[in-house]
Amino acid sequence: ATLEWKTRGLDAAGLATTVGTSTMTLGGLLK
C-alpha cells in the first residue's frame, strides 16, 4: 500500500523522474 501511495496520481513524466545520477524511477519500481 505504501508503494501504491508513493506512485498515486502521477503521469508519465512523474513516473520517469530520476534523482541524482541514479536511473531508478517510480515507473521502474512498479514494473
PDB file of all heavy atoms in Angstrom:
ATOM      1  N   ALA A   1       0.823  -1.214   0.000  1.00  0.00           N
ATOM      2  CA  ALA A   1       0.000   0.000   0.000  1.00  0.00           C
ATOM      3  C   ALA A   1       0.858   1.265   0.000  1.00  0.00           C
ATOM      4  O   ALA A   1       0.456   2.298  -0.543  1.00  0.00           O
ATOM      5  CB  ALA A   1      -0.939  -0.008   1.207  1.00  0.00           C
ATOM      6  N   THR A   2       2.042   1.183   0.601  1.00  0.00           N
ATOM      7  CA  THR A   2       2.945   2.332   0.581  1.00  0.00           C
ATOM      8  C   THR A   2       3.416   2.620  -0.835  1.00  0.00           C
ATOM      9  O   THR A   2       3.470   3.778  -1.259  1.00  0.00           O
ATOM     10  CB  THR A   2       4.155   2.079   1.502  1.00  0.00           C
ATOM     11  OG1 THR A   2       3.693   1.913   2.847  1.00  0.00           O
ATOM     12  CG2 THR A   2       5.132   3.247   1.454  1.00  0.00           C
ATOM     13  N   LEU A   3       3.762   1.576  -1.589  1.00  0.00           N
ATOM     14  CA  LEU A   3       4.162   1.789  -2.985  1.00  0.00           C
ATOM     15  C   LEU A   3       3.015   2.392  -3.790  1.00  0.00           C
ATOM     16  O   LEU A   3       3.230   3.299  -4.607  1.00  0.00           O
ATOM     17  CB  LEU A   3       4.609   0.476  -3.621  1.00  0.00           C
ATOM     18  CG  LEU A   3       5.068   0.612  -5.067  1.00  0.00           C
ATOM     19  CD1 LEU A   3       6.367   1.401  -5.171  1.00  0.00           C
ATOM     20  CD2 LEU A   3       5.218  -0.757  -5.731  1.00  0.00           C
ATOM     21  N   GLU A   4       1.798   1.905  -3.561  1.00  0.00           N
ATOM     22  CA  GLU A   4       0.645   2.470  -4.269  1.00  0.00           C
ATOM     23  C   GLU A   4       0.510   3.951  -3.960  1.00  0.00           C
ATOM     24  O   GLU A   4       0.243   4.762  -4.858  1.00  0.00           O
ATOM     25  CB  GLU A   4      -0.623   1.713  -3.875  1.00  0.00           C
ATOM     26  CG  GLU A   4      -1.875   2.113  -4.653  1.00  0.00           C
ATOM     27  CD  GLU A   4      -2.509   3.396  -4.153  1.00  0.00           C
ATOM     28  OE1 GLU A   4      -2.466   3.660  -2.927  1.00  0.00           O
ATOM     29  OE2 GLU A   4      -3.043   4.165  -5.003  1.00  0.00           O
ATOM     30  N   TRP A   5       0.695   4.326  -2.690  1.00  0.00           N
ATOM     31  CA  TRP A   5       0.595   5.727  -2.289  1.00  0.00           C
ATOM     32  C   TRP A   5       1.678   6.567  -2.955  1.00  0.00           C
ATOM     33  O   TRP A   5       1.400   7.660  -3.481  1.00  0.00           O
ATOM     34  CB  TRP A   5       0.702   5.808  -0.762  1.00  0.00           C
ATOM     35  CG  TRP A   5       0.952   7.176  -0.203  1.00  0.00           C
ATOM     36  CD1 TRP A   5       0.407   8.354  -0.632  1.00  0.00           C
ATOM     37  CD2 TRP A   5       1.805   7.503   0.897  1.00  0.00           C
ATOM     38  NE1 TRP A   5       0.868   9.402   0.147  1.00  0.00           N
ATOM     39  CE2 TRP A   5       1.724   8.902   1.082  1.00  0.00           C
ATOM     40  CE3 TRP A   5       2.606   6.749   1.737  1.00  0.00           C
ATOM     41  CZ2 TRP A   5       2.437   9.560   2.077  1.00  0.00           C
ATOM     42  CZ3 TRP A   5       3.304   7.398   2.740  1.00  0.00           C
ATOM     43  CH2 TRP A   5       3.220   8.791   2.901  1.00  0.00           C
ATOM     44  N   LYS A   6       2.899   6.066  -2.960  1.00  0.00           N
ATOM     45  CA  LYS A   6       4.018   6.839  -3.497  1.00  0.00           C
ATOM     46  C   LYS A   6       3.933   7.022  -5.009  1.00  0.00           C
ATOM     47  O   LYS A   6       4.544   7.940  -5.573  1.00  0.00           O
ATOM     48  CB  LYS A   6       5.349   6.169  -3.130  1.00  0.00           C
ATOM     49  CG  LYS A   6       5.658   6.209  -1.644  1.00  0.00           C
ATOM     50  CD  LYS A   6       5.827   7.638  -1.141  1.00  0.00           C
ATOM     51  CE  LYS A   6       6.130   7.679   0.343  1.00  0.00           C
ATOM     52  NZ  LYS A   6       6.359   9.059   0.832  1.00  0.00           N
ATOM     53  N   THR A   7       3.188   6.178  -5.702  1.00  0.00           N
ATOM     54  CA  THR A   7       3.042   6.306  -7.157  1.00  0.00           C
ATOM     55  C   THR A   7       1.670   6.840  -7.560  1.00  0.00           C
ATOM     56  O   THR A   7       1.394   7.005  -8.748  1.00  0.00           O
ATOM     57  CB  THR A   7       3.266   4.948  -7.839  1.00  0.00           C
ATOM     58  OG1 THR A   7       2.337   3.981  -7.323  1.00  0.00           O
ATOM     59  CG2 THR A   7       4.678   4.443  -7.587  1.00  0.00           C
ATOM     60  N   ARG A   8       0.833   7.127  -6.582  1.00  0.00           N
ATOM     61  CA  ARG A   8      -0.559   7.511  -6.834  1.00  0.00           C
ATOM     62  C   ARG A   8      -0.647   8.850  -7.571  1.00  0.00           C
ATOM     63  O   ARG A   8      -0.007   9.830  -7.206  1.00  0.00           O
ATOM     64  CB  ARG A   8      -1.303   7.605  -5.506  1.00  0.00           C
ATOM     65  CG  ARG A   8      -2.813   7.809  -5.605  1.00  0.00           C
ATOM     66  CD  ARG A   8      -3.396   7.951  -4.202  1.00  0.00           C
ATOM     67  NE  ARG A   8      -3.117   6.779  -3.367  1.00  0.00           N
ATOM     68  CZ  ARG A   8      -3.191   6.785  -2.039  1.00  0.00           C
ATOM     69  NH1 ARG A   8      -3.484   7.900  -1.373  1.00  0.00           N
ATOM     70  NH2 ARG A   8      -2.925   5.673  -1.358  1.00  0.00           N
ATOM     71  N   GLY A   9      -1.467   8.873  -8.626  1.00  0.00           N
ATOM     72  CA  GLY A   9      -1.792  10.119  -9.304  1.00  0.00           C
ATOM     73  C   GLY A   9      -0.729  10.673 -10.226  1.00  0.00           C
ATOM     74  O   GLY A   9      -0.908  11.767 -10.774  1.00  0.00           O
ATOM     75  N   LEU A  10       0.367   9.966 -10.440  1.00  0.00           N
ATOM     76  CA  LEU A  10       1.452  10.504 -11.258  1.00  0.00           C
ATOM     77  C   LEU A  10       1.261  10.189 -12.736  1.00  0.00           C
ATOM     78  O   LEU A  10       0.795   9.100 -13.103  1.00  0.00           O
ATOM     79  CB  LEU A  10       2.797   9.939 -10.791  1.00  0.00           C
ATOM     80  CG  LEU A  10       3.256  10.353  -9.395  1.00  0.00           C
ATOM     81  CD1 LEU A  10       4.612   9.731  -9.085  1.00  0.00           C
ATOM     82  CD2 LEU A  10       3.312  11.866  -9.259  1.00  0.00           C
ATOM     83  N   ASP A  11       1.653  11.135 -13.576  1.00  0.00           N
ATOM     84  CA  ASP A  11       1.627  10.919 -15.019  1.00  0.00           C
ATOM     85  C   ASP A  11       2.947  10.305 -15.462  1.00  0.00           C
ATOM     86  O   ASP A  11       3.813   9.957 -14.637  1.00  0.00           O
ATOM     87  CB  ASP A  11       1.344  12.227 -15.758  1.00  0.00           C
ATOM     88  CG  ASP A  11       2.388  13.307 -15.463  1.00  0.00           C
ATOM     89  OD1 ASP A  11       3.449  12.996 -14.884  1.00  0.00           O
ATOM     90  OD2 ASP A  11       2.126  14.473 -15.833  1.00  0.00           O
ATOM     91  N   ALA A  12       3.125  10.178 -16.782  1.00  0.00           N
ATOM     92  CA  ALA A  12       4.326   9.531 -17.303  1.00  0.00           C
ATOM     93  C   ALA A  12       5.592  10.269 -16.887  1.00  0.00           C
ATOM     94  O   ALA A  12       6.609   9.647 -16.551  1.00  0.00           O
ATOM     95  CB  ALA A  12       4.240   9.434 -18.829  1.00  0.00           C
ATOM     96  N   ALA A  13       5.529  11.592 -16.899  1.00  0.00           N
ATOM     97  CA  ALA A  13       6.710  12.372 -16.510  1.00  0.00           C
ATOM     98  C   ALA A  13       7.057  12.134 -15.050  1.00  0.00           C
ATOM     99  O   ALA A  13       8.236  11.989 -14.688  1.00  0.00           O
ATOM    100  CB  ALA A  13       6.464  13.857 -16.764  1.00  0.00           C
ATOM    101  N   GLY A  14       6.050  12.093 -14.191  1.00  0.00           N
ATOM    102  CA  GLY A  14       6.307  11.843 -12.782  1.00  0.00           C
ATOM    103  C   GLY A  14       6.899  10.469 -12.537  1.00  0.00           C
ATOM    104  O   GLY A  14       7.841  10.314 -11.749  1.00  0.00           O
ATOM    105  N   LEU A  15       6.374   9.461 -13.229  1.00  0.00           N
ATOM    106  CA  LEU A  15       6.875   8.101 -13.054  1.00  0.00           C
ATOM    107  C   LEU A  15       8.261   7.914 -13.649  1.00  0.00           C
ATOM    108  O   LEU A  15       8.937   6.924 -13.356  1.00  0.00           O
ATOM    109  CB  LEU A  15       5.900   7.089 -13.667  1.00  0.00           C
ATOM    110  CG  LEU A  15       4.555   6.927 -12.955  1.00  0.00           C
ATOM    111  CD1 LEU A  15       3.672   5.945 -13.706  1.00  0.00           C
ATOM    112  CD2 LEU A  15       4.744   6.461 -11.513  1.00  0.00           C
ATOM    113  N   ALA A  16       8.689   8.852 -14.511  1.00  0.00           N
ATOM    114  CA  ALA A  16      10.011   8.759 -15.143  1.00  0.00           C
ATOM    115  C   ALA A  16      11.055   9.640 -14.466  1.00  0.00           C
ATOM    116  O   ALA A  16      12.212   9.682 -14.897  1.00  0.00           O
ATOM    117  CB  ALA A  16       9.900   9.135 -16.623  1.00  0.00           C
ATOM    118  N   THR A  17      10.684  10.345 -13.405  1.00  0.00           N
ATOM    119  CA  THR A  17      11.618  11.236 -12.711  1.00  0.00           C
ATOM    120  C   THR A  17      12.753  10.438 -12.072  1.00  0.00           C
ATOM    121  O   THR A  17      12.535   9.361 -11.515  1.00  0.00           O
ATOM    122  CB  THR A  17      10.874  12.043 -11.639  1.00  0.00           C
ATOM    123  OG1 THR A  17       9.917  12.895 -12.271  1.00  0.00           O
ATOM    124  CG2 THR A  17      11.837  12.894 -10.824  1.00  0.00           C
ATOM    125  N   THR A  18      13.973  10.976 -12.153  1.00  0.00           N
ATOM    126  CA  THR A  18      15.129  10.360 -11.516  1.00  0.00           C
ATOM    127  C   THR A  18      15.720  11.312 -10.484  1.00  0.00           C
ATOM    128  O   THR A  18      15.387  12.497 -10.453  1.00  0.00           O
ATOM    129  CB  THR A  18      16.211   9.995 -12.548  1.00  0.00           C
ATOM    130  OG1 THR A  18      16.616  11.188 -13.234  1.00  0.00           O
ATOM    131  CG2 THR A  18      15.684   8.984 -13.563  1.00  0.00           C
ATOM    132  N   VAL A  19      16.609  10.792  -9.651  1.00  0.00           N
ATOM    133  CA  VAL A  19      17.279  11.587  -8.625  1.00  0.00           C
ATOM    134  C   VAL A  19      18.788  11.419  -8.785  1.00  0.00           C
ATOM    135  O   VAL A  19      19.284  10.272  -8.804  1.00  0.00           O
ATOM    136  CB  VAL A  19      16.855  11.161  -7.208  1.00  0.00           C
ATOM    137  CG1 VAL A  19      17.675  11.886  -6.160  1.00  0.00           C
ATOM    138  CG2 VAL A  19      15.367  11.417  -6.986  1.00  0.00           C
ATOM    139  N   GLY A  20      19.504  12.526  -8.896  1.00  0.00           N
ATOM    140  CA  GLY A  20      20.953  12.466  -8.995  1.00  0.00           C
ATOM    141  C   GLY A  20      21.412  11.678 -10.206  1.00  0.00           C
ATOM    142  O   GLY A  20      20.861  11.793 -11.303  1.00  0.00           O
ATOM    143  N   THR A  21      22.421  10.829 -10.014  1.00  0.00           N
ATOM    144  CA  THR A  21      22.961  10.032 -11.118  1.00  0.00           C
ATOM    145  C   THR A  21      22.247   8.704 -11.279  1.00  0.00           C
ATOM    146  O   THR A  21      22.528   7.947 -12.208  1.00  0.00           O
ATOM    147  CB  THR A  21      24.456   9.754 -10.887  1.00  0.00           C
ATOM    148  OG1 THR A  21      24.621   9.042  -9.652  1.00  0.00           O
ATOM    149  CG2 THR A  21      25.252  11.050 -10.829  1.00  0.00           C
ATOM    150  N   SER A  22      21.305   8.386 -10.383  1.00  0.00           N
ATOM    151  CA  SER A  22      20.578   7.117 -10.462  1.00  0.00           C
ATOM    152  C   SER A  22      19.607   7.125 -11.628  1.00  0.00           C
ATOM    153  O   SER A  22      19.006   8.147 -11.960  1.00  0.00           O
ATOM    154  CB  SER A  22      19.811   6.875  -9.159  1.00  0.00           C
ATOM    155  OG  SER A  22      18.992   5.731  -9.268  1.00  0.00           O
ATOM    156  N   THR A  23      19.424   5.964 -12.262  1.00  0.00           N
ATOM    157  CA  THR A  23      18.430   5.811 -13.331  1.00  0.00           C
ATOM    158  C   THR A  23      17.120   5.238 -12.805  1.00  0.00           C
ATOM    159  O   THR A  23      16.190   5.017 -13.572  1.00  0.00           O
ATOM    160  CB  THR A  23      18.970   4.885 -14.436  1.00  0.00           C
ATOM    161  OG1 THR A  23      19.257   3.591 -13.868  1.00  0.00           O
ATOM    162  CG2 THR A  23      20.237   5.460 -15.061  1.00  0.00           C
ATOM    163  N   MET A  24      17.032   5.024 -11.502  1.00  0.00           N
ATOM    164  CA  MET A  24      15.833   4.440 -10.910  1.00  0.00           C
ATOM    165  C   MET A  24      14.660   5.404 -11.019  1.00  0.00           C
ATOM    166  O   MET A  24      14.797   6.608 -10.835  1.00  0.00           O
ATOM    167  CB  MET A  24      16.094   4.097  -9.447  1.00  0.00           C
ATOM    168  CG  MET A  24      14.981   3.335  -8.762  1.00  0.00           C
ATOM    169  SD  MET A  24      15.421   2.924  -7.046  1.00  0.00           S
ATOM    170  CE  MET A  24      16.782   1.789  -7.305  1.00  0.00           C
ATOM    171  N   THR A  25      13.467   4.871 -11.339  1.00  0.00           N
ATOM    172  CA  THR A  25      12.244   5.666 -11.442  1.00  0.00           C
ATOM    173  C   THR A  25      11.117   4.966 -10.703  1.00  0.00           C
ATOM    174  O   THR A  25      11.184   3.758 -10.426  1.00  0.00           O
ATOM    175  CB  THR A  25      11.818   5.848 -12.909  1.00  0.00           C
ATOM    176  OG1 THR A  25      11.457   4.557 -13.454  1.00  0.00           O
ATOM    177  CG2 THR A  25      12.942   6.476 -13.743  1.00  0.00           C
ATOM    178  N   LEU A  26      10.062   5.709 -10.411  1.00  0.00           N
ATOM    179  CA  LEU A  26       8.885   5.101  -9.794  1.00  0.00           C
ATOM    180  C   LEU A  26       8.197   4.135 -10.751  1.00  0.00           C
ATOM    181  O   LEU A  26       7.664   3.104 -10.334  1.00  0.00           O
ATOM    182  CB  LEU A  26       7.924   6.196  -9.334  1.00  0.00           C
ATOM    183  CG  LEU A  26       8.373   6.968  -8.085  1.00  0.00           C
ATOM    184  CD1 LEU A  26       7.506   8.210  -7.885  1.00  0.00           C
ATOM    185  CD2 LEU A  26       8.336   6.087  -6.845  1.00  0.00           C
ATOM    186  N   GLY A  27       8.190   4.469 -12.042  1.00  0.00           N
ATOM    187  CA  GLY A  27       7.644   3.537 -13.019  1.00  0.00           C
ATOM    188  C   GLY A  27       8.438   2.245 -13.046  1.00  0.00           C
ATOM    189  O   GLY A  27       7.869   1.149 -13.124  1.00  0.00           O
ATOM    190  N   GLY A  28       9.772   2.375 -12.984  1.00  0.00           N
ATOM    191  CA  GLY A  28      10.604   1.187 -12.927  1.00  0.00           C
ATOM    192  C   GLY A  28      10.352   0.371 -11.675  1.00  0.00           C
ATOM    193  O   GLY A  28      10.362  -0.865 -11.716  1.00  0.00           O
ATOM    194  N   LEU A  29      10.118   1.049 -10.561  1.00  0.00           N
ATOM    195  CA  LEU A  29       9.793   0.334  -9.322  1.00  0.00           C
ATOM    196  C   LEU A  29       8.516  -0.486  -9.468  1.00  0.00           C
ATOM    197  O   LEU A  29       8.449  -1.641  -9.034  1.00  0.00           O
ATOM    198  CB  LEU A  29       9.640   1.326  -8.174  1.00  0.00           C
ATOM    199  CG  LEU A  29      10.913   1.773  -7.452  1.00  0.00           C
ATOM    200  CD1 LEU A  29      10.588   2.866  -6.447  1.00  0.00           C
ATOM    201  CD2 LEU A  29      11.576   0.596  -6.748  1.00  0.00           C
ATOM    202  N   LEU A  30       7.487   0.100 -10.071  1.00  0.00           N
ATOM    203  CA  LEU A  30       6.232  -0.629 -10.262  1.00  0.00           C
ATOM    204  C   LEU A  30       6.447  -1.881 -11.106  1.00  0.00           C
ATOM    205  O   LEU A  30       5.954  -2.971 -10.778  1.00  0.00           O
ATOM    206  CB  LEU A  30       5.193   0.270 -10.926  1.00  0.00           C
ATOM    207  CG  LEU A  30       4.475   1.286 -10.043  1.00  0.00           C
ATOM    208  CD1 LEU A  30       3.667   2.253 -10.890  1.00  0.00           C
ATOM    209  CD2 LEU A  30       3.569   0.590  -9.033  1.00  0.00           C
ATOM    210  N   LYS A  31       7.188  -1.727 -12.209  1.00  0.00           N
ATOM    211  CA  LYS A  31       7.382  -2.878 -13.097  1.00  0.00           C
ATOM    212  C   LYS A  31       8.296  -3.913 -12.456  1.00  0.00           C
ATOM    213  O   LYS A  31       8.055  -5.125 -12.562  1.00  0.00           O
ATOM    214  CB  LYS A  31       7.947  -2.417 -14.434  1.00  0.00           C
ATOM    215  CG  LYS A  31       7.825  -3.476 -15.533  1.00  0.00           C
ATOM    216  CD  LYS A  31       8.000  -2.867 -16.915  1.00  0.00           C
ATOM    217  CE  LYS A  31       7.676  -3.859 -18.009  1.00  0.00           C
ATOM    218  NZ  LYS A  31       7.751  -3.223 -19.359  1.00  0.00           N
TER     219      LYS A  31
END
